[in-house]
Amino acid sequence: MIVRPATTDDFARLQEIELAAGRAFADVGLPAIADDDPFSIAELEAYRRAGTLWVLADAAGVVGYVAVDVLDGCAHIEQVSVHPESGRRGLGRRLVDHVSDWAATRSLGALTLTTFRDVPWNAPLYARYGFRVMSDAEVGPELRARCEEEADDGLDPTLRVCMVRTVH
């Protein structure tokens, strides 16, 4: 398995991975998340052009990806998805660790993300990756604005948390 920058040829597969990974949300009472559209080609292209879209691939092809923004001076993981057929093998952690390495080379002190508090493969999993829930006072203005955008898009803020992990 290698982590490499995404190419435009990867985009259809990334959408497929995001849809497949999202289906599991129906099993935990979040059918709207399961039915949510993946990133558009234009959104993927913007991340690719920014140099903040990476894929995890083996000889058979792409099995996961991560898209990152920089918010409040931190590397913000906007999306990380691994195809369920390749899940439960530490591949999501590998993508997160890649982002941490990337952030360190840019003197970004932390990784942030927003996620569901009680979904087993969300906040509890990220806690095992070294993330912790941020206090309200720790949430910077750009991350706060992102949370407001998520709420406007229908994500219930009472079910969500902001998490942070120091970059070493």
N, C-alpha and C. Protein backbone atom coordinates (compact mmCIF):
# COMPACT_ATOMS: atom_id res chain seq x y z
N MET A 1 0.84 -1.19 0.00
CA MET A 1 0.00 0.00 0.00
C MET A 1 0.88 1.25 0.00
N ILE A 2 0.51 2.19 -0.83
CA ILE A 2 1.21 3.46 -0.86
C ILE A 2 0.20 4.60 -0.73
N VAL A 3 0.63 5.69 -0.13
CA VAL A 3 -0.14 6.92 -0.13
C VAL A 3 0.50 7.81 -1.18
N ARG A 4 -0.33 8.35 -2.06
CA ARG A 4 0.18 9.22 -3.13
C ARG A 4 -0.84 10.32 -3.40
N PRO A 5 -0.40 11.41 -4.03
CA PRO A 5 -1.36 12.45 -4.40
C PRO A 5 -2.41 11.88 -5.36
N ALA A 6 -3.62 12.33 -5.20
CA ALA A 6 -4.70 11.90 -6.11
C ALA A 6 -4.51 12.52 -7.48
N THR A 7 -5.00 11.84 -8.48
CA THR A 7 -5.04 12.36 -9.84
C THR A 7 -6.50 12.45 -10.27
N THR A 8 -6.73 13.16 -11.36
CA THR A 8 -8.10 13.27 -11.86
C THR A 8 -8.65 11.90 -12.25
N ASP A 9 -7.79 10.98 -12.64
CA ASP A 9 -8.24 9.63 -12.98
C ASP A 9 -8.80 8.88 -11.77
N ASP A 10 -8.48 9.34 -10.56
CA ASP A 10 -8.96 8.69 -9.33
C ASP A 10 -10.35 9.14 -8.92
N PHE A 11 -10.83 10.26 -9.45
CA PHE A 11 -12.02 10.90 -8.90
C PHE A 11 -13.26 10.00 -8.84
N ALA A 12 -13.56 9.28 -9.89
CA ALA A 12 -14.74 8.42 -9.88
C ALA A 12 -14.62 7.37 -8.78
N ARG A 13 -13.43 6.82 -8.60
CA ARG A 13 -13.21 5.82 -7.55
C ARG A 13 -13.38 6.45 -6.17
N LEU A 14 -12.92 7.68 -5.99
CA LEU A 14 -13.06 8.34 -4.69
C LEU A 14 -14.53 8.54 -4.35
N GLN A 15 -15.32 8.92 -5.33
CA GLN A 15 -16.76 9.06 -5.10
C GLN A 15 -17.38 7.71 -4.73
N GLU A 16 -16.96 6.67 -5.42
CA GLU A 16 -17.45 5.32 -5.13
C GLU A 16 -17.09 4.90 -3.70
N ILE A 17 -15.87 5.17 -3.29
CA ILE A 17 -15.42 4.83 -1.93
C ILE A 17 -16.24 5.58 -0.90
N GLU A 18 -16.44 6.88 -1.13
CA GLU A 18 -17.20 7.68 -0.16
C GLU A 18 -18.63 7.18 -0.03
N LEU A 19 -19.26 6.84 -1.14
CA LEU A 19 -20.62 6.30 -1.10
C LEU A 19 -20.66 4.96 -0.37
N ALA A 20 -19.73 4.08 -0.68
CA ALA A 20 -19.71 2.76 -0.04
C ALA A 20 -19.46 2.88 1.46
N ALA A 21 -18.53 3.73 1.86
CA ALA A 21 -18.23 3.91 3.28
C ALA A 21 -19.41 4.55 4.00
N GLY A 22 -20.10 5.44 3.32
CA GLY A 22 -21.22 6.15 3.93
C GLY A 22 -22.43 5.28 4.21
N ARG A 23 -22.57 4.18 3.49
CA ARG A 23 -23.75 3.32 3.67
C ARG A 23 -23.89 2.80 5.09
N ALA A 24 -22.79 2.64 5.79
CA ALA A 24 -22.82 2.11 7.16
C ALA A 24 -23.58 3.03 8.11
N PHE A 25 -23.71 4.30 7.77
CA PHE A 25 -24.42 5.22 8.66
C PHE A 25 -25.90 4.87 8.78
N ALA A 26 -26.45 4.21 7.78
CA ALA A 26 -27.86 3.78 7.87
C ALA A 26 -28.04 2.79 9.02
N ASP A 27 -27.01 2.00 9.30
CA ASP A 27 -27.09 0.99 10.35
C ASP A 27 -27.06 1.58 11.76
N VAL A 28 -26.68 2.85 11.89
CA VAL A 28 -26.63 3.48 13.21
C VAL A 28 -27.64 4.63 13.32
N GLY A 29 -28.69 4.55 12.52
CA GLY A 29 -29.78 5.52 12.62
C GLY A 29 -29.52 6.86 11.96
N LEU A 30 -28.58 6.91 11.00
CA LEU A 30 -28.29 8.16 10.30
C LEU A 30 -28.45 7.96 8.80
N PRO A 31 -29.68 7.65 8.36
CA PRO A 31 -29.88 7.37 6.94
C PRO A 31 -29.59 8.56 6.02
N ALA A 32 -29.77 9.77 6.52
CA ALA A 32 -29.49 10.94 5.68
C ALA A 32 -28.00 11.03 5.34
N ILE A 33 -27.16 10.60 6.27
CA ILE A 33 -25.71 10.59 6.01
C ILE A 33 -25.40 9.51 4.98
N ALA A 34 -26.05 8.37 5.13
CA ALA A 34 -25.83 7.27 4.19
C ALA A 34 -26.24 7.67 2.77
N ASP A 35 -27.24 8.53 2.66
CA ASP A 35 -27.73 8.95 1.35
C ASP A 35 -27.05 10.22 0.83
N ASP A 36 -26.13 10.77 1.60
CA ASP A 36 -25.48 12.03 1.22
C ASP A 36 -24.62 11.84 -0.02
N ASP A 37 -24.59 12.88 -0.84
CA ASP A 37 -23.76 12.84 -2.04
C ASP A 37 -22.28 12.91 -1.68
N PRO A 38 -21.44 12.26 -2.45
CA PRO A 38 -20.00 12.38 -2.23
C PRO A 38 -19.51 13.73 -2.72
N PHE A 39 -18.23 14.01 -2.47
CA PHE A 39 -17.63 15.21 -3.04
C PHE A 39 -17.87 15.22 -4.55
N SER A 40 -18.14 16.39 -5.07
CA SER A 40 -18.29 16.55 -6.52
C SER A 40 -16.91 16.50 -7.17
N ILE A 41 -16.91 16.32 -8.48
CA ILE A 41 -15.64 16.36 -9.22
C ILE A 41 -14.96 17.72 -9.01
N ALA A 42 -15.73 18.79 -9.02
CA ALA A 42 -15.16 20.13 -8.82
C ALA A 42 -14.52 20.25 -7.43
N GLU A 43 -15.17 19.71 -6.42
CA GLU A 43 -14.60 19.76 -5.07
C GLU A 43 -13.31 18.93 -4.99
N LEU A 44 -13.34 17.74 -5.57
CA LEU A 44 -12.14 16.91 -5.58
C LEU A 44 -11.01 17.61 -6.32
N GLU A 45 -11.34 18.25 -7.43
CA GLU A 45 -10.32 18.96 -8.21
C GLU A 45 -9.72 20.10 -7.40
N ALA A 46 -10.53 20.80 -6.62
CA ALA A 46 -10.01 21.89 -5.80
C ALA A 46 -9.02 21.36 -4.77
N TYR A 47 -9.34 20.24 -4.13
CA TYR A 47 -8.39 19.63 -3.19
C TYR A 47 -7.14 19.16 -3.91
N ARG A 48 -7.30 18.56 -5.08
CA ARG A 48 -6.14 18.08 -5.84
C ARG A 48 -5.22 19.24 -6.19
N ARG A 49 -5.81 20.33 -6.71
CA ARG A 49 -5.01 21.51 -7.08
C ARG A 49 -4.30 22.11 -5.87
N ALA A 50 -4.94 22.05 -4.71
CA ALA A 50 -4.33 22.59 -3.49
C ALA A 50 -3.23 21.67 -2.95
N GLY A 51 -3.16 20.46 -3.48
CA GLY A 51 -2.16 19.50 -2.99
C GLY A 51 -2.54 18.86 -1.69
N THR A 52 -3.85 18.79 -1.41
CA THR A 52 -4.33 18.26 -0.13
C THR A 52 -5.34 17.14 -0.32
N LEU A 53 -5.11 16.32 -1.34
CA LEU A 53 -5.96 15.16 -1.60
C LEU A 53 -5.04 13.99 -1.90
N TRP A 54 -5.09 12.99 -1.04
CA TRP A 54 -4.22 11.82 -1.18
C TRP A 54 -5.05 10.55 -1.23
N VAL A 55 -4.53 9.56 -1.93
CA VAL A 55 -5.18 8.25 -2.01
C VAL A 55 -4.24 7.20 -1.42
N LEU A 56 -4.86 6.13 -0.97
CA LEU A 56 -4.14 4.94 -0.52
C LEU A 56 -4.43 3.87 -1.54
N ALA A 57 -3.38 3.32 -2.14
CA ALA A 57 -3.58 2.37 -3.24
C ALA A 57 -2.68 1.17 -3.08
N ASP A 58 -3.16 0.04 -3.61
CA ASP A 58 -2.33 -1.15 -3.73
C ASP A 58 -2.29 -1.52 -5.20
N ALA A 59 -1.78 -2.68 -5.52
CA ALA A 59 -1.64 -3.08 -6.92
C ALA A 59 -2.98 -3.16 -7.63
N ALA A 60 -4.05 -3.42 -6.87
CA ALA A 60 -5.38 -3.54 -7.48
C ALA A 60 -6.08 -2.20 -7.67
N GLY A 61 -5.59 -1.15 -7.00
CA GLY A 61 -6.20 0.16 -7.16
C GLY A 61 -6.38 0.91 -5.86
N VAL A 62 -7.12 2.00 -5.93
CA VAL A 62 -7.33 2.89 -4.79
C VAL A 62 -8.36 2.29 -3.84
N VAL A 63 -8.02 2.28 -2.54
CA VAL A 63 -8.91 1.72 -1.53
C VAL A 63 -9.37 2.76 -0.50
N GLY A 64 -8.73 3.93 -0.49
CA GLY A 64 -9.11 4.96 0.46
C GLY A 64 -8.55 6.30 0.06
N TYR A 65 -9.03 7.35 0.74
CA TYR A 65 -8.52 8.69 0.45
C TYR A 65 -8.76 9.62 1.62
N VAL A 66 -8.05 10.75 1.58
CA VAL A 66 -8.20 11.79 2.58
C VAL A 66 -8.12 13.14 1.89
N ALA A 67 -8.98 14.07 2.32
CA ALA A 67 -9.00 15.44 1.81
C ALA A 67 -8.81 16.38 3.00
N VAL A 68 -7.93 17.38 2.84
CA VAL A 68 -7.53 18.22 3.95
C VAL A 68 -7.65 19.70 3.58
N ASP A 69 -8.11 20.49 4.54
CA ASP A 69 -8.09 21.94 4.47
C ASP A 69 -7.13 22.44 5.55
N VAL A 70 -6.77 23.70 5.50
CA VAL A 70 -6.04 24.32 6.60
C VAL A 70 -6.99 25.33 7.22
N LEU A 71 -7.34 25.08 8.49
CA LEU A 71 -8.25 25.95 9.24
C LEU A 71 -7.57 26.35 10.54
N ASP A 72 -7.58 27.61 10.82
CA ASP A 72 -7.01 28.13 12.07
C ASP A 72 -5.58 27.65 12.28
N GLY A 73 -4.82 27.52 11.22
CA GLY A 73 -3.43 27.10 11.33
C GLY A 73 -3.24 25.63 11.62
N CYS A 74 -4.29 24.84 11.43
CA CYS A 74 -4.22 23.39 11.65
C CYS A 74 -4.59 22.66 10.36
N ALA A 75 -4.07 21.46 10.20
CA ALA A 75 -4.49 20.60 9.10
C ALA A 75 -5.83 19.99 9.49
N HIS A 76 -6.87 20.38 8.78
CA HIS A 76 -8.22 19.92 9.09
C HIS A 76 -8.61 18.79 8.14
N ILE A 77 -8.84 17.62 8.69
CA ILE A 77 -9.25 16.47 7.88
C ILE A 77 -10.73 16.64 7.56
N GLU A 78 -11.00 16.99 6.33
CA GLU A 78 -12.37 17.22 5.90
C GLU A 78 -13.07 15.90 5.59
N GLN A 79 -12.34 14.96 5.02
CA GLN A 79 -12.93 13.67 4.68
C GLN A 79 -11.83 12.62 4.68
N VAL A 80 -12.10 11.51 5.32
CA VAL A 80 -11.24 10.34 5.20
C VAL A 80 -12.16 9.14 5.05
N SER A 81 -11.96 8.39 3.99
CA SER A 81 -12.81 7.24 3.71
C SER A 81 -11.97 6.08 3.21
N VAL A 82 -12.33 4.90 3.68
CA VAL A 82 -11.73 3.66 3.20
C VAL A 82 -12.88 2.77 2.74
N HIS A 83 -12.72 2.13 1.60
CA HIS A 83 -13.77 1.25 1.10
C HIS A 83 -13.99 0.14 2.12
N PRO A 84 -15.25 -0.18 2.44
CA PRO A 84 -15.54 -1.21 3.45
C PRO A 84 -14.87 -2.56 3.17
N GLU A 85 -14.66 -2.89 1.92
CA GLU A 85 -14.00 -4.16 1.59
C GLU A 85 -12.55 -4.17 2.07
N SER A 86 -11.97 -3.01 2.31
CA SER A 86 -10.59 -2.90 2.78
C SER A 86 -10.51 -2.40 4.21
N GLY A 87 -11.65 -2.30 4.87
CA GLY A 87 -11.71 -1.73 6.21
C GLY A 87 -11.15 -2.63 7.28
N ARG A 88 -10.98 -2.03 8.45
CA ARG A 88 -10.56 -2.73 9.66
C ARG A 88 -9.14 -3.31 9.55
N ARG A 89 -8.30 -2.59 8.78
CA ARG A 89 -6.90 -3.03 8.64
C ARG A 89 -5.93 -1.90 8.94
N GLY A 90 -6.41 -0.83 9.58
CA GLY A 90 -5.54 0.28 9.93
C GLY A 90 -5.26 1.24 8.79
N LEU A 91 -6.04 1.15 7.70
CA LEU A 91 -5.77 2.00 6.54
C LEU A 91 -6.18 3.45 6.78
N GLY A 92 -7.27 3.65 7.51
CA GLY A 92 -7.67 5.02 7.87
C GLY A 92 -6.60 5.68 8.72
N ARG A 93 -6.06 4.95 9.66
CA ARG A 93 -4.97 5.47 10.50
C ARG A 93 -3.76 5.83 9.63
N ARG A 94 -3.49 5.02 8.65
CA ARG A 94 -2.34 5.31 7.77
C ARG A 94 -2.55 6.63 7.04
N LEU A 95 -3.77 6.88 6.58
CA LEU A 95 -4.06 8.15 5.91
C LEU A 95 -3.94 9.32 6.88
N VAL A 96 -4.45 9.16 8.09
CA VAL A 96 -4.35 10.22 9.10
C VAL A 96 -2.89 10.48 9.45
N ASP A 97 -2.10 9.44 9.60
CA ASP A 97 -0.69 9.63 9.90
C ASP A 97 0.04 10.33 8.74
N HIS A 98 -0.38 10.05 7.51
CA HIS A 98 0.20 10.75 6.37
C HIS A 98 -0.07 12.26 6.48
N VAL A 99 -1.30 12.59 6.83
CA VAL A 99 -1.66 14.00 6.99
C VAL A 99 -0.83 14.63 8.11
N SER A 100 -0.61 13.90 9.18
CA SER A 100 0.20 14.41 10.28
C SER A 100 1.63 14.69 9.82
N ASP A 101 2.20 13.78 9.05
CA ASP A 101 3.54 14.00 8.51
C ASP A 101 3.56 15.22 7.59
N TRP A 102 2.55 15.34 6.74
CA TRP A 102 2.45 16.49 5.84
C TRP A 102 2.35 17.79 6.65
N ALA A 103 1.51 17.77 7.69
CA ALA A 103 1.32 18.97 8.52
C ALA A 103 2.63 19.37 9.20
N ALA A 104 3.39 18.39 9.65
CA ALA A 104 4.66 18.68 10.32
C ALA A 104 5.62 19.40 9.39
N THR A 105 5.63 19.02 8.12
CA THR A 105 6.54 19.67 7.17
C THR A 105 6.11 21.10 6.87
N ARG A 106 4.90 21.47 7.24
CA ARG A 106 4.39 22.82 7.01
C ARG A 106 4.24 23.60 8.31
N SER A 107 4.81 23.07 9.37
CA SER A 107 4.76 23.71 10.69
C SER A 107 3.35 23.95 11.18
N LEU A 108 2.43 23.07 10.80
CA LEU A 108 1.07 23.10 11.34
C LEU A 108 1.08 22.25 12.61
N GLY A 109 0.67 22.83 13.71
CA GLY A 109 0.85 22.18 15.00
C GLY A 109 -0.13 21.10 15.37
N ALA A 110 -1.24 21.01 14.62
CA ALA A 110 -2.26 20.04 15.01
C ALA A 110 -3.09 19.61 13.82
N LEU A 111 -3.74 18.48 14.01
CA LEU A 111 -4.79 18.01 13.09
C LEU A 111 -6.11 18.24 13.76
N THR A 112 -7.11 18.65 13.01
CA THR A 112 -8.47 18.76 13.54
C THR A 112 -9.41 18.01 12.62
N LEU A 113 -10.58 17.71 13.15
CA LEU A 113 -11.66 17.13 12.36
C LEU A 113 -12.96 17.31 13.11
N THR A 114 -14.05 17.17 12.40
CA THR A 114 -15.37 17.14 13.02
C THR A 114 -15.95 15.77 12.72
N THR A 115 -16.68 15.23 13.69
CA THR A 115 -17.15 13.87 13.54
C THR A 115 -18.33 13.62 14.47
N PHE A 116 -18.94 12.46 14.30
CA PHE A 116 -20.05 12.08 15.17
C PHE A 116 -19.51 11.55 16.49
N ARG A 117 -20.06 12.05 17.57
CA ARG A 117 -19.62 11.72 18.92
C ARG A 117 -19.75 10.23 19.22
N ASP A 118 -20.87 9.63 18.85
CA ASP A 118 -21.19 8.28 19.33
C ASP A 118 -21.15 7.19 18.27
N VAL A 119 -20.77 7.51 17.05
CA VAL A 119 -20.67 6.48 16.01
C VAL A 119 -19.33 5.77 16.22
N PRO A 120 -19.34 4.44 16.37
CA PRO A 120 -18.12 3.72 16.74
C PRO A 120 -16.90 3.99 15.85
N TRP A 121 -17.11 4.17 14.56
CA TRP A 121 -15.96 4.41 13.67
C TRP A 121 -15.72 5.90 13.46
N ASN A 122 -16.26 6.73 14.32
CA ASN A 122 -16.01 8.16 14.29
C ASN A 122 -15.24 8.55 15.57
N ALA A 123 -15.80 9.36 16.45
CA ALA A 123 -15.03 9.86 17.60
C ALA A 123 -14.33 8.77 18.41
N PRO A 124 -14.98 7.65 18.72
CA PRO A 124 -14.25 6.62 19.49
C PRO A 124 -13.01 6.09 18.75
N LEU A 125 -13.11 5.95 17.44
CA LEU A 125 -11.96 5.49 16.66
C LEU A 125 -10.86 6.56 16.63
N TYR A 126 -11.25 7.81 16.40
CA TYR A 126 -10.25 8.88 16.36
C TYR A 126 -9.56 9.05 17.71
N ALA A 127 -10.27 8.78 18.80
CA ALA A 127 -9.64 8.83 20.12
C ALA A 127 -8.51 7.79 20.20
N ARG A 128 -8.72 6.64 19.60
CA ARG A 128 -7.67 5.62 19.57
C ARG A 128 -6.50 6.06 18.69
N TYR A 129 -6.74 6.99 17.77
CA TYR A 129 -5.68 7.54 16.91
C TYR A 129 -4.95 8.70 17.58
N GLY A 130 -5.35 9.03 18.82
CA GLY A 130 -4.67 10.10 19.55
C GLY A 130 -5.40 11.43 19.54
N PHE A 131 -6.60 11.50 18.98
CA PHE A 131 -7.39 12.73 19.00
C PHE A 131 -8.12 12.84 20.33
N ARG A 132 -8.44 14.07 20.70
CA ARG A 132 -9.30 14.32 21.86
C ARG A 132 -10.34 15.36 21.47
N VAL A 133 -11.45 15.34 22.18
CA VAL A 133 -12.52 16.31 21.94
C VAL A 133 -12.05 17.68 22.39
N MET A 134 -12.27 18.68 21.56
CA MET A 134 -11.88 20.05 21.86
C MET A 134 -12.93 20.71 22.75
N SER A 135 -12.48 21.56 23.66
CA SER A 135 -13.42 22.38 24.41
C SER A 135 -13.94 23.48 23.47
N ASP A 136 -15.05 24.07 23.83
CA ASP A 136 -15.61 25.13 23.00
C ASP A 136 -14.62 26.29 22.85
N ALA A 137 -13.87 26.58 23.91
CA ALA A 137 -12.91 27.69 23.87
C ALA A 137 -11.74 27.41 22.92
N GLU A 138 -11.45 26.15 22.65
CA GLU A 138 -10.34 25.79 21.77
C GLU A 138 -10.70 25.89 20.28
N VAL A 139 -11.98 25.91 19.97
CA VAL A 139 -12.42 25.91 18.57
C VAL A 139 -12.21 27.31 17.99
N GLY A 140 -11.35 27.39 16.98
CA GLY A 140 -11.05 28.67 16.35
C GLY A 140 -12.16 29.13 15.43
N PRO A 141 -12.06 30.35 14.93
CA PRO A 141 -13.14 30.93 14.13
C PRO A 141 -13.39 30.18 12.81
N GLU A 142 -12.34 29.70 12.17
CA GLU A 142 -12.56 29.00 10.89
C GLU A 142 -13.20 27.63 11.12
N LEU A 143 -12.77 26.93 12.16
CA LEU A 143 -13.39 25.64 12.48
C LEU A 143 -14.83 25.85 12.94
N ARG A 144 -15.07 26.89 13.71
CA ARG A 144 -16.43 27.19 14.15
C ARG A 144 -17.33 27.46 12.93
N ALA A 145 -16.81 28.21 11.97
CA ALA A 145 -17.58 28.49 10.74
C ALA A 145 -17.86 27.19 9.98
N ARG A 146 -16.89 26.27 9.95
CA ARG A 146 -17.09 24.99 9.28
C ARG A 146 -18.20 24.21 9.96
N CYS A 147 -18.23 24.23 11.29
CA CYS A 147 -19.29 23.56 12.04
C CYS A 147 -20.66 24.16 11.73
N GLU A 148 -20.71 25.47 11.59
CA GLU A 148 -21.95 26.14 11.23
C GLU A 148 -22.41 25.74 9.83
N GLU A 149 -21.45 25.61 8.90
CA GLU A 149 -21.78 25.14 7.54
C GLU A 149 -22.35 23.72 7.59
N GLU A 150 -21.74 22.86 8.40
CA GLU A 150 -22.24 21.49 8.55
C GLU A 150 -23.66 21.49 9.09
N ALA A 151 -23.92 22.34 10.07
CA ALA A 151 -25.27 22.42 10.64
C ALA A 151 -26.26 22.92 9.59
N ASP A 152 -25.85 23.92 8.80
CA ASP A 152 -26.71 24.42 7.72
C ASP A 152 -26.99 23.34 6.68
N ASP A 153 -26.04 22.40 6.53
CA ASP A 153 -26.21 21.28 5.58
C ASP A 153 -27.00 20.13 6.18
N GLY A 154 -27.47 20.29 7.43
CA GLY A 154 -28.34 19.28 8.03
C GLY A 154 -27.69 18.37 9.05
N LEU A 155 -26.42 18.58 9.37
CA LEU A 155 -25.78 17.76 10.40
C LEU A 155 -26.14 18.33 11.76
N ASP A 156 -26.74 17.51 12.60
CA ASP A 156 -27.18 17.93 13.92
C ASP A 156 -25.96 18.22 14.80
N PRO A 157 -25.74 19.48 15.19
CA PRO A 157 -24.55 19.80 15.98
C PRO A 157 -24.53 19.14 17.35
N THR A 158 -25.66 18.71 17.86
CA THR A 158 -25.67 18.03 19.17
C THR A 158 -25.08 16.63 19.08
N LEU A 159 -24.96 16.11 17.86
CA LEU A 159 -24.39 14.77 17.66
C LEU A 159 -22.92 14.81 17.26
N ARG A 160 -22.38 16.03 17.09
CA ARG A 160 -21.04 16.20 16.52
C ARG A 160 -20.06 16.73 17.56
N VAL A 161 -18.79 16.47 17.33
CA VAL A 161 -17.71 17.03 18.13
C VAL A 161 -16.58 17.48 17.22
N CYS A 162 -15.80 18.43 17.72
CA CYS A 162 -14.55 18.81 17.09
C CYS A 162 -13.45 18.09 17.87
N MET A 163 -12.50 17.54 17.13
CA MET A 163 -11.41 16.81 17.77
C MET A 163 -10.08 17.35 17.27
N VAL A 164 -9.05 17.17 18.08
CA VAL A 164 -7.72 17.68 17.76
C VAL A 164 -6.68 16.64 18.15
N ARG A 165 -5.58 16.63 17.41
CA ARG A 165 -4.42 15.79 17.73
C ARG A 165 -3.17 16.61 17.44
N THR A 166 -2.27 16.65 18.38
CA THR A 166 -1.01 17.37 18.20
C THR A 166 -0.17 16.67 17.13
N VAL A 167 0.48 17.48 16.30
CA VAL A 167 1.41 16.96 15.30
C VAL A 167 2.78 16.85 15.98
N HIS A 168 3.42 15.72 15.85
CA HIS A 168 4.74 15.51 16.48
C HIS A 168 5.82 15.67 15.44
